[in-house]
Amino acid sequence: GAAARPRASHRGRLHLVTWNVGTASPPPDVTSLLQLNSLGPTMDMYVIGLQEVNSRITNFLSDLAFDDPWSIFFMTVLSPLGYIKLSSVRMQGLLLLIFVKHVHLPFIRDIHTHYTRTGLYGYWGNKGGVTIRMSLYGHTVCFINCHLPAHMENTEQRLDDFEKILEMQFEGENIPSTLDHDILFWFGDLNFRIADYGIHFVRESINNKRYNLLWEKDQLNMAKKKEAFLQEFIEGPLQFKPTYKFDLYSDVYDTSEKKRKPAWTDRILWRVKNLCQHASKEGEFSEEEQTISVTLNNYISHMSYGISDHKPVTGTFGLELKPLLTDPLITLNPEGEWSAEHDVLIRYSAVPEFPSSAWDWIGLFKVAFRHVNDYVTYAWVEDDEISSNKDSKQIYMSAAEIPDTGGEFLLCYYSNNLQAIVGISQPFQIQPNRTLIEKDLAQEENSWMQTPDNLESHNEF
């Protein structure tokens, strides 16, 4: 018979940032760092890996309870543009944040985070790696943000630490090991240096933009030729100046007594699993098998940011996936006109294999919500159910919780078993509460008309 028609590929754009921020506060503007005004299509996912986020003990303890200033900063920038913070993981100075466009939420599952300490024999989390993995349209993707040991002579230690980070296991059933993910991104302040050449030759080569003279003495490039486990990692060409070490707020390399030799410490690499396996069977490789491909569109540093002694580096990628998941587990819609004047109804349906739980809930969110806990109100799917048939269920949400001011909102279904949002509605309008608005206006008019007899009594303070 006819061959099965291949499913349409899903193209997405991923923008990855690595930046050693040197304990500084966020800068006033990150438009160019996040390529927010680029003319091309918008990004589908932002992955932001920071190192040396301020982690004095007091900060670190308060940050466990509250988001740190950098997380809040990126949420403030990205949530109005329709991105939600999908996940984050922090270990002392290392922070990894992932933001995605709302439309992808139902197709992202099995999100797990992990961290591995390597500093001071693993007792203190100043060096190491933080990792987030997920299933994206059915493909497994893993992101590792590392801060590896510093100094010229520590190449072996850097490689040992990275191997240790690769060996860590996620908690949970059936989660592949790090290297078994379909795509693995490795980035961070990897701290590899330029060996052999003296500082004058290095600076001279940089001034003349002859970066290629320095490439073969870059310790990571040298290690990739020797170490089998590194050979499968791909990196774009280093066509930007080494990103370390700068005087603050300048484009001038280190003028302190230490006079550090410039180095490409901040890097982004990736590895596609099937490429590694197919490449070994030379000649048999066919395009048909390739269900996933990663294309690097842009690998650059951003010289205008001066808050730390490192410049940020970004990689912009095209991801092409043959989706293994095409239908959301849950489809949900608001029913009828919504306002705070009466209880409102939500209708939803689930695919037959959906593993529902008594702890599942549907949240009402402002359109520019920041993360899953940012709901305005919610309803438990079991407790608040009012009707059910084989195709769909109806649940109600109490009028008391609906915002009187109205506005634009959406609904998300949170699955307790999958620990993720598995359905999201189209944005919709909630009508403002007319009676309340009229009452407010009336009160305002009254307060203008009443003049207190005795003003002194209000001034006791």
Protein backbone atom coordinates (compact mmCIF):
# COMPACT_ATOMS: atom_id res chain seq x y z
CA GLY A 1 0.00 0.00 0.00
CA ALA A 2 0.91 3.67 -0.02
CA ALA A 3 3.59 4.71 2.47
CA ALA A 4 2.26 6.51 5.53
CA ARG A 5 2.29 10.23 4.88
CA PRO A 6 5.01 11.80 7.09
CA ARG A 7 3.57 14.15 9.69
CA ALA A 8 4.21 17.81 9.19
CA SER A 9 7.27 18.95 11.08
CA HIS A 10 6.97 21.41 13.87
CA ARG A 11 9.41 24.31 13.63
CA GLY A 12 10.30 26.23 16.74
CA ARG A 13 12.80 28.89 17.69
CA LEU A 14 14.82 28.64 20.87
CA HIS A 15 16.93 31.46 22.28
CA LEU A 16 19.53 30.44 24.84
CA VAL A 17 21.43 32.89 27.07
CA THR A 18 24.47 32.18 29.24
CA TRP A 19 25.82 34.94 31.44
CA ASN A 20 28.08 35.11 34.46
CA VAL A 21 26.48 38.14 36.13
CA GLY A 22 29.13 38.53 38.86
CA THR A 23 26.59 39.08 41.70
CA ALA A 24 25.25 42.22 39.96
CA SER A 25 21.60 43.29 39.84
CA PRO A 26 19.72 43.01 36.53
CA PRO A 27 20.49 45.73 33.95
CA PRO A 28 17.83 48.30 32.99
CA ASP A 29 17.16 46.72 29.60
CA VAL A 30 17.58 43.30 27.96
CA THR A 31 15.92 43.98 24.61
CA SER A 32 19.03 43.13 22.59
CA LEU A 33 20.05 40.22 24.84
CA LEU A 34 16.67 38.53 24.24
CA GLN A 35 16.48 39.75 20.60
CA LEU A 36 13.07 41.22 21.38
CA ASN A 37 13.14 43.71 18.52
CA SER A 38 14.47 41.32 15.87
CA LEU A 39 12.34 41.40 12.73
CA GLY A 40 12.14 37.62 12.32
CA PRO A 41 9.51 35.37 13.90
CA THR A 42 9.31 35.53 17.69
CA MET A 43 10.97 32.92 19.91
CA ASP A 44 9.02 29.89 21.12
CA MET A 45 11.26 29.25 24.10
CA TYR A 46 13.81 31.21 26.13
CA VAL A 47 16.41 29.31 28.14
CA ILE A 48 18.41 31.58 30.46
CA GLY A 49 21.41 30.22 32.36
CA LEU A 50 23.10 32.55 34.83
CA GLN A 51 26.17 32.03 36.99
CA GLU A 52 27.26 33.96 40.09
CA VAL A 53 23.78 35.20 40.89
CA ASN A 54 24.14 37.00 44.22
CA SER A 55 23.97 34.23 46.79
CA ARG A 56 25.13 35.59 50.10
CA ILE A 57 23.65 33.26 52.68
CA THR A 58 20.89 35.69 53.68
CA ASN A 59 19.91 36.11 50.04
CA PHE A 60 20.08 32.42 49.38
CA LEU A 61 17.74 31.60 52.27
CA SER A 62 15.21 34.27 51.36
CA ASP A 63 15.41 33.22 47.70
CA LEU A 64 14.29 29.72 48.57
CA ALA A 65 10.97 31.17 49.65
CA PHE A 66 10.71 33.96 47.10
CA ASP A 67 11.88 34.32 43.56
CA ASP A 68 15.25 35.97 43.26
CA PRO A 69 15.56 39.40 41.57
CA TRP A 70 16.71 37.89 38.26
CA SER A 71 13.72 35.54 37.99
CA ILE A 72 11.34 38.37 38.81
CA PHE A 73 13.12 40.60 36.31
CA PHE A 74 12.83 38.12 33.41
CA MET A 75 9.20 37.32 34.30
CA THR A 76 8.41 41.03 34.25
CA VAL A 77 9.98 41.39 30.80
CA LEU A 78 8.60 38.20 29.21
CA SER A 79 5.14 37.64 30.71
CA PRO A 80 3.55 40.67 28.95
CA LEU A 81 4.84 39.20 25.67
CA GLY A 82 2.99 35.92 26.21
CA TYR A 83 5.69 33.75 27.82
CA ILE A 84 5.22 31.81 31.04
CA LYS A 85 8.03 30.64 33.32
CA LEU A 86 7.80 26.90 32.72
CA SER A 87 10.45 25.84 35.20
CA SER A 88 13.48 27.05 37.11
CA VAL A 89 16.19 25.55 39.26
CA ARG A 90 18.69 27.28 41.47
CA MET A 91 21.76 26.19 43.38
CA GLN A 92 23.55 29.02 45.15
CA GLY A 93 24.88 31.23 42.34
CA LEU A 94 23.62 29.03 39.48
CA LEU A 95 20.17 29.76 38.07
CA LEU A 96 18.40 28.20 35.08
CA LEU A 97 15.08 29.60 33.84
CA ILE A 98 12.88 28.36 30.98
CA PHE A 99 10.10 30.44 29.46
CA VAL A 100 7.71 29.23 26.75
CA LYS A 101 4.88 30.63 24.68
CA HIS A 102 1.46 29.64 26.02
CA VAL A 103 0.54 27.62 22.94
CA HIS A 104 3.23 24.99 23.65
CA LEU A 105 2.24 24.30 27.26
CA PRO A 106 -0.06 21.33 26.53
CA PHE A 107 2.75 19.58 24.65
CA ILE A 108 5.43 19.87 27.34
CA ARG A 109 5.44 17.09 29.93
CA ASP A 110 7.62 15.31 32.47
CA ILE A 111 9.51 18.39 33.59
CA HIS A 112 12.22 17.51 36.11
CA THR A 113 14.99 19.58 37.64
CA HIS A 114 18.23 18.52 39.27
CA TYR A 115 21.40 20.07 40.61
CA THR A 116 24.90 18.69 41.12
CA ARG A 117 27.44 20.34 43.39
CA THR A 118 31.08 19.96 42.44
CA GLY A 119 32.76 22.84 44.30
CA LEU A 120 34.87 22.04 47.38
CA TYR A 121 34.43 18.27 47.08
CA GLY A 122 30.73 18.70 46.52
CA TYR A 123 29.96 20.26 49.90
CA TRP A 124 29.33 23.80 48.82
CA GLY A 125 27.30 24.69 45.78
CA ASN A 126 29.49 27.42 44.34
CA LYS A 127 30.40 25.27 41.32
CA GLY A 128 28.51 22.55 39.52
CA GLY A 129 25.51 22.23 37.26
CA VAL A 130 21.75 22.82 37.30
CA THR A 131 19.61 20.83 34.89
CA ILE A 132 16.05 20.94 33.53
CA ARG A 133 14.67 18.17 31.34
CA MET A 134 11.29 17.74 29.66
CA SER A 135 9.40 16.02 26.92
CA LEU A 136 8.62 18.50 24.12
CA TYR A 137 6.04 17.30 21.59
CA GLY A 138 7.11 13.79 22.63
CA HIS A 139 10.86 14.35 22.20
CA THR A 140 13.18 14.45 25.21
CA VAL A 141 15.21 17.63 25.71
CA CYS A 142 17.68 18.42 28.48
CA PHE A 143 19.41 21.71 29.42
CA ILE A 144 22.51 21.86 31.64
CA ASN A 145 23.84 25.19 32.94
CA CYS A 146 27.34 24.75 34.42
CA HIS A 147 29.84 26.81 36.32
CA LEU A 148 33.12 24.86 36.12
CA PRO A 149 36.35 25.53 38.07
CA ALA A 150 38.45 28.53 37.08
CA HIS A 151 42.16 28.96 36.20
CA MET A 152 44.38 27.88 33.35
CA GLU A 153 45.71 24.70 34.98
CA ASN A 154 42.32 23.17 35.86
CA THR A 155 41.31 21.72 32.47
CA GLU A 156 41.22 18.15 33.82
CA GLN A 157 39.13 19.20 36.81
CA ARG A 158 36.66 20.98 34.48
CA LEU A 159 36.28 17.83 32.39
CA ASP A 160 35.94 15.60 35.47
CA ASP A 161 33.27 17.89 36.90
CA PHE A 162 31.33 17.93 33.64
CA GLU A 163 31.47 14.12 33.47
CA LYS A 164 30.16 13.97 37.04
CA ILE A 165 27.29 16.31 36.09
CA LEU A 166 26.46 14.12 33.07
CA GLU A 167 26.29 11.04 35.29
CA MET A 168 23.62 12.39 37.62
CA GLN A 169 20.23 10.64 37.58
CA PHE A 170 16.82 12.30 37.71
CA GLU A 171 14.38 11.21 40.40
CA GLY A 172 11.36 9.51 38.88
CA GLU A 173 10.22 6.62 36.73
CA ASN A 174 11.44 5.99 33.19
CA ILE A 175 13.43 9.19 32.83
CA PRO A 176 16.33 8.69 30.44
CA SER A 177 19.84 9.45 31.62
CA THR A 178 21.28 12.80 30.56
CA LEU A 179 23.04 11.49 27.46
CA ASP A 180 19.98 9.49 26.42
CA HIS A 181 17.92 12.63 25.74
CA ASP A 182 17.14 13.34 22.08
CA ILE A 183 18.68 16.79 22.43
CA LEU A 184 21.07 17.95 25.13
CA PHE A 185 22.19 21.57 25.49
CA TRP A 186 25.35 22.22 27.55
CA PHE A 187 26.26 25.82 28.37
CA GLY A 188 27.52 28.12 31.06
CA ASP A 189 30.72 29.63 32.40
CA LEU A 190 32.75 26.57 31.42
CA ASN A 191 35.95 28.46 32.28
CA PHE A 192 38.15 26.96 29.53
CA ARG A 193 41.13 29.19 28.72
CA ILE A 194 43.50 29.86 25.83
CA ALA A 195 46.68 27.87 26.46
CA ASP A 196 50.33 28.50 25.50
CA TYR A 197 50.11 31.96 23.92
CA GLY A 198 51.18 35.00 25.93
CA ILE A 199 48.79 37.82 26.80
CA HIS A 200 50.21 40.18 24.15
CA PHE A 201 49.76 37.72 21.30
CA VAL A 202 46.22 36.93 22.47
CA ARG A 203 45.24 40.61 22.72
CA GLU A 204 46.90 41.43 19.40
CA SER A 205 45.02 38.57 17.65
CA ILE A 206 41.73 39.82 19.16
CA ASN A 207 42.39 43.43 18.11
CA ASN A 208 42.99 42.25 14.53
CA LYS A 209 39.90 39.99 14.69
CA ARG A 210 42.12 36.99 13.92
CA TYR A 211 40.24 34.74 16.31
CA ASN A 212 41.12 31.64 14.27
CA LEU A 213 44.73 31.91 15.50
CA LEU A 214 43.42 31.30 19.03
CA TRP A 215 40.90 28.54 18.29
CA GLU A 216 43.34 25.64 18.27
CA LYS A 217 44.75 26.67 21.65
CA ASP A 218 41.32 26.95 23.23
CA GLN A 219 41.27 24.24 25.93
CA LEU A 220 37.74 23.09 25.10
CA ASN A 221 38.56 22.74 21.40
CA MET A 222 41.69 20.80 22.31
CA ALA A 223 39.78 18.55 24.72
CA LYS A 224 37.12 17.83 22.06
CA LYS A 225 39.81 16.28 19.85
CA LYS A 226 40.93 13.92 22.64
CA GLU A 227 37.85 13.10 24.75
CA ALA A 228 35.32 10.77 23.13
CA PHE A 229 32.38 12.00 25.23
CA LEU A 230 32.97 15.58 24.07
CA GLN A 231 33.22 14.76 20.36
CA GLU A 232 29.47 14.37 20.08
CA PHE A 233 28.90 17.96 21.27
CA ILE A 234 28.63 20.57 18.53
CA GLU A 235 29.49 24.25 18.93
CA GLY A 236 29.05 27.15 16.55
CA PRO A 237 32.11 29.07 15.32
CA LEU A 238 33.64 31.46 17.87
CA GLN A 239 33.41 34.56 15.69
CA PHE A 240 33.16 36.95 18.63
CA LYS A 241 35.81 38.31 20.99
CA PRO A 242 36.60 36.23 24.08
CA THR A 243 33.97 37.21 26.67
CA TYR A 244 36.23 37.27 29.77
CA LYS A 245 37.67 39.22 31.53
CA PHE A 246 36.50 42.83 31.16
CA ASP A 247 36.71 45.88 33.36
CA LEU A 248 33.19 46.68 34.54
CA TYR A 249 31.06 48.87 32.26
CA SER A 250 33.64 48.76 29.49
CA ASP A 251 34.91 46.95 26.41
CA VAL A 252 38.44 46.96 27.87
CA TYR A 253 40.05 43.67 28.91
CA ASP A 254 41.22 43.36 32.53
CA THR A 255 43.48 46.25 33.57
CA SER A 256 43.77 45.11 37.22
CA GLU A 257 47.07 43.77 38.64
CA LYS A 258 45.95 40.24 37.77
CA LYS A 259 45.83 41.10 34.04
CA ARG A 260 43.85 37.96 33.17
CA LYS A 261 44.46 36.61 29.69
CA PRO A 262 41.24 36.91 27.65
CA ALA A 263 39.34 33.63 27.21
CA TRP A 264 36.15 32.16 25.73
CA THR A 265 34.86 31.04 29.12
CA ASP A 266 31.16 31.38 28.21
CA ARG A 267 29.97 28.76 25.74
CA ILE A 268 26.91 27.00 24.31
CA LEU A 269 27.15 23.45 22.92
CA TRP A 270 24.56 20.87 21.96
CA ARG A 271 24.28 17.21 21.11
CA VAL A 272 21.61 15.40 19.08
CA LYS A 273 21.35 11.78 20.12
CA ASN A 274 20.34 10.11 16.85
CA LEU A 275 23.09 11.92 14.96
CA CYS A 276 25.65 10.22 17.20
CA GLN A 277 24.17 6.79 16.52
CA HIS A 278 23.50 7.25 12.81
CA ALA A 279 26.90 8.70 12.10
CA SER A 280 28.50 5.44 13.19
CA LYS A 281 26.63 3.42 10.53
CA GLU A 282 28.24 5.29 7.68
CA GLY A 283 26.20 5.38 4.51
CA GLU A 284 23.01 3.88 5.96
CA PHE A 285 21.79 7.18 7.28
CA SER A 286 18.51 8.24 5.70
CA GLU A 287 16.65 11.51 6.10
CA GLU A 288 13.45 9.57 6.90
CA GLU A 289 14.73 8.44 10.30
CA GLN A 290 15.70 11.91 11.42
CA THR A 291 12.70 13.02 13.51
CA ILE A 292 14.50 15.93 15.06
CA SER A 293 17.03 18.50 13.89
CA VAL A 294 18.76 21.45 15.48
CA THR A 295 20.08 24.38 13.44
CA LEU A 296 22.18 27.16 14.93
CA ASN A 297 21.07 30.50 13.46
CA ASN A 298 23.18 32.85 15.53
CA TYR A 299 26.01 32.51 18.09
CA ILE A 300 27.10 35.90 19.40
CA SER A 301 28.28 37.84 22.43
CA HIS A 302 26.68 41.08 23.62
CA MET A 303 29.36 43.67 24.26
CA SER A 304 27.01 46.41 25.46
CA TYR A 305 26.33 44.73 28.84
CA GLY A 306 28.88 45.84 31.43
CA ILE A 307 27.47 44.86 34.83
CA SER A 308 29.94 42.00 35.26
CA ASP A 309 33.44 41.03 34.09
CA HIS A 310 31.89 38.57 31.58
CA LYS A 311 29.89 39.46 28.47
CA PRO A 312 26.70 37.44 27.90
CA VAL A 313 26.61 34.94 25.02
CA THR A 314 23.47 33.85 23.18
CA GLY A 315 22.65 31.07 20.76
CA THR A 316 19.51 31.23 18.63
CA PHE A 317 18.40 27.84 17.35
CA GLY A 318 15.83 26.44 14.96
CA LEU A 319 14.35 23.18 16.23
CA GLU A 320 12.52 20.98 13.77
CA LEU A 321 10.52 18.17 15.38
CA LYS A 322 8.19 15.60 13.90
CA PRO A 323 5.60 15.85 16.66
CA LEU A 324 4.96 12.57 18.44
CA LEU A 325 2.21 14.37 20.36
CA THR A 326 -0.33 16.25 18.31
CA ASP A 327 -3.42 16.51 20.52
CA PRO A 328 -3.57 18.21 23.89
CA LEU A 329 -4.67 15.90 26.72
CA ILE A 330 -7.31 18.43 27.74
CA THR A 331 -9.38 20.87 25.67
CA LEU A 332 -11.16 23.53 27.68
CA ASN A 333 -13.46 26.49 27.05
CA PRO A 334 -15.35 29.07 29.09
CA GLU A 335 -19.13 28.69 28.63
CA GLY A 336 -21.42 31.67 28.04
CA GLU A 337 -20.69 35.23 29.08
CA TRP A 338 -18.32 35.62 32.02
CA SER A 339 -18.69 38.32 34.63
CA ALA A 340 -18.53 38.54 38.43
CA GLU A 341 -22.30 38.92 38.59
CA HIS A 342 -22.99 35.17 38.53
CA ASP A 343 -21.23 31.83 38.89
CA VAL A 344 -19.58 30.83 35.61
CA LEU A 345 -19.13 27.56 33.76
CA ILE A 346 -16.16 25.80 32.22
CA ARG A 347 -16.52 22.91 29.80
CA TYR A 348 -13.61 20.55 29.21
CA SER A 349 -12.88 17.20 27.64
CA ALA A 350 -9.98 14.81 28.10
CA VAL A 351 -8.43 12.24 25.78
CA PRO A 352 -9.31 8.67 26.87
CA GLU A 353 -5.85 7.84 28.22
CA PHE A 354 -5.61 10.98 30.38
CA PRO A 355 -4.57 10.05 33.98
CA SER A 356 -6.83 12.37 35.95
CA SER A 357 -6.59 12.86 39.72
CA ALA A 358 -8.79 14.28 42.47
CA TRP A 359 -6.11 16.96 42.89
CA ASP A 360 -6.41 18.33 39.34
CA TRP A 361 -7.59 21.92 39.12
CA ILE A 362 -8.48 24.53 36.54
CA GLY A 363 -7.07 27.98 37.11
CA LEU A 364 -8.23 31.35 35.83
CA PHE A 365 -5.21 33.41 34.77
CA LYS A 366 -4.63 36.91 33.46
CA VAL A 367 -3.36 36.65 29.90
CA ALA A 368 0.08 37.92 30.95
CA PHE A 369 0.50 35.41 33.79
CA ARG A 370 4.04 34.66 34.98
CA HIS A 371 3.96 31.03 36.13
CA VAL A 372 1.57 28.27 37.19
CA ASN A 373 1.04 29.65 40.72
CA ASP A 374 0.03 33.04 39.37
CA TYR A 375 -3.70 32.16 39.13
CA VAL A 376 -6.49 34.59 40.02
CA THR A 377 -8.74 31.77 41.24
CA TYR A 378 -9.24 28.07 40.61
CA ALA A 379 -11.77 25.25 40.77
CA TRP A 380 -11.14 21.61 41.69
CA VAL A 381 -12.22 19.48 38.74
CA GLU A 382 -13.93 16.84 40.91
CA ASP A 383 -15.43 18.91 43.73
CA ASP A 384 -16.81 21.60 41.46
CA GLU A 385 -18.16 19.34 38.70
CA ILE A 386 -21.83 19.83 37.87
CA SER A 387 -22.36 17.66 34.82
CA SER A 388 -20.57 15.00 32.91
CA ASN A 389 -21.11 12.89 29.83
CA LYS A 390 -18.79 10.77 27.72
CA ASP A 391 -17.69 13.75 25.63
CA SER A 392 -17.24 16.49 28.17
CA LYS A 393 -17.61 17.69 31.73
CA GLN A 394 -18.84 20.97 33.13
CA ILE A 395 -17.56 22.58 36.28
CA TYR A 396 -18.43 25.89 37.89
CA MET A 397 -16.34 28.68 39.32
CA SER A 398 -17.79 30.90 42.03
CA ALA A 399 -18.79 34.47 41.13
CA ALA A 400 -17.22 35.69 44.38
CA GLU A 401 -13.74 34.94 43.00
CA ILE A 402 -14.15 36.46 39.53
CA PRO A 403 -12.43 39.88 39.23
CA ASP A 404 -14.99 42.72 39.21
CA THR A 405 -12.92 44.83 36.88
CA GLY A 406 -13.09 42.25 34.08
CA GLY A 407 -10.45 42.09 31.37
CA GLU A 408 -8.73 39.44 29.26
CA PHE A 409 -8.13 36.01 30.81
CA LEU A 410 -7.48 32.38 29.98
CA LEU A 411 -8.05 29.00 31.64
CA CYS A 412 -5.41 26.35 32.32
CA TYR A 413 -5.91 22.76 33.42
CA TYR A 414 -3.21 21.60 35.86
CA SER A 415 -2.61 17.85 36.12
CA ASN A 416 -1.38 16.69 39.50
CA ASN A 417 -0.09 13.37 38.14
CA LEU A 418 1.89 15.04 35.35
CA GLN A 419 2.81 18.12 37.45
CA ALA A 420 2.16 20.32 34.45
CA ILE A 421 -0.39 22.43 32.61
CA VAL A 422 -1.96 20.01 30.12
CA GLY A 423 -4.64 22.23 28.57
CA ILE A 424 -5.01 25.94 27.94
CA SER A 425 -7.99 27.87 26.55
CA GLN A 426 -8.00 30.67 24.04
CA PRO A 427 -7.93 34.13 25.69
CA PHE A 428 -11.43 35.48 26.44
CA GLN A 429 -13.06 38.57 27.94
CA ILE A 430 -14.63 38.81 31.39
CA GLN A 431 -17.21 41.62 31.50
CA PRO A 432 -16.73 44.19 34.26
CA ASN A 433 -19.31 44.01 37.07
CA ARG A 434 -21.75 46.80 36.19
CA THR A 435 -23.56 47.02 39.54
CA LEU A 436 -20.29 47.33 41.40
CA ILE A 437 -18.91 49.99 39.09
CA GLU A 438 -22.14 52.00 39.45
CA LYS A 439 -21.90 51.67 43.23
CA ASP A 440 -18.27 52.88 43.22
CA LEU A 441 -19.21 55.92 41.14
CA ALA A 442 -22.08 56.74 43.45
CA GLN A 443 -19.81 56.49 46.48
CA GLU A 444 -17.27 58.80 44.86
CA GLU A 445 -19.96 61.42 44.18
CA ASN A 446 -21.19 61.19 47.77
CA SER A 447 -17.75 61.64 49.21
CA TRP A 448 -17.32 64.87 47.23
CA MET A 449 -20.57 66.20 48.66
CA GLN A 450 -19.95 65.35 52.32
CA THR A 451 -17.70 67.87 54.08
CA PRO A 452 -16.64 66.72 57.55
CA ASP A 453 -17.61 69.18 60.32
CA ASN A 454 -14.46 68.54 62.27
CA LEU A 455 -11.30 68.03 60.19
CA GLU A 456 -9.01 67.98 63.27
CA SER A 457 -10.19 64.51 64.29
CA HIS A 458 -8.58 63.12 61.09
CA ASN A 459 -5.18 64.54 61.88
CA GLU A 460 -4.31 62.63 65.02
CA PHE A 461 -1.16 61.22 63.41
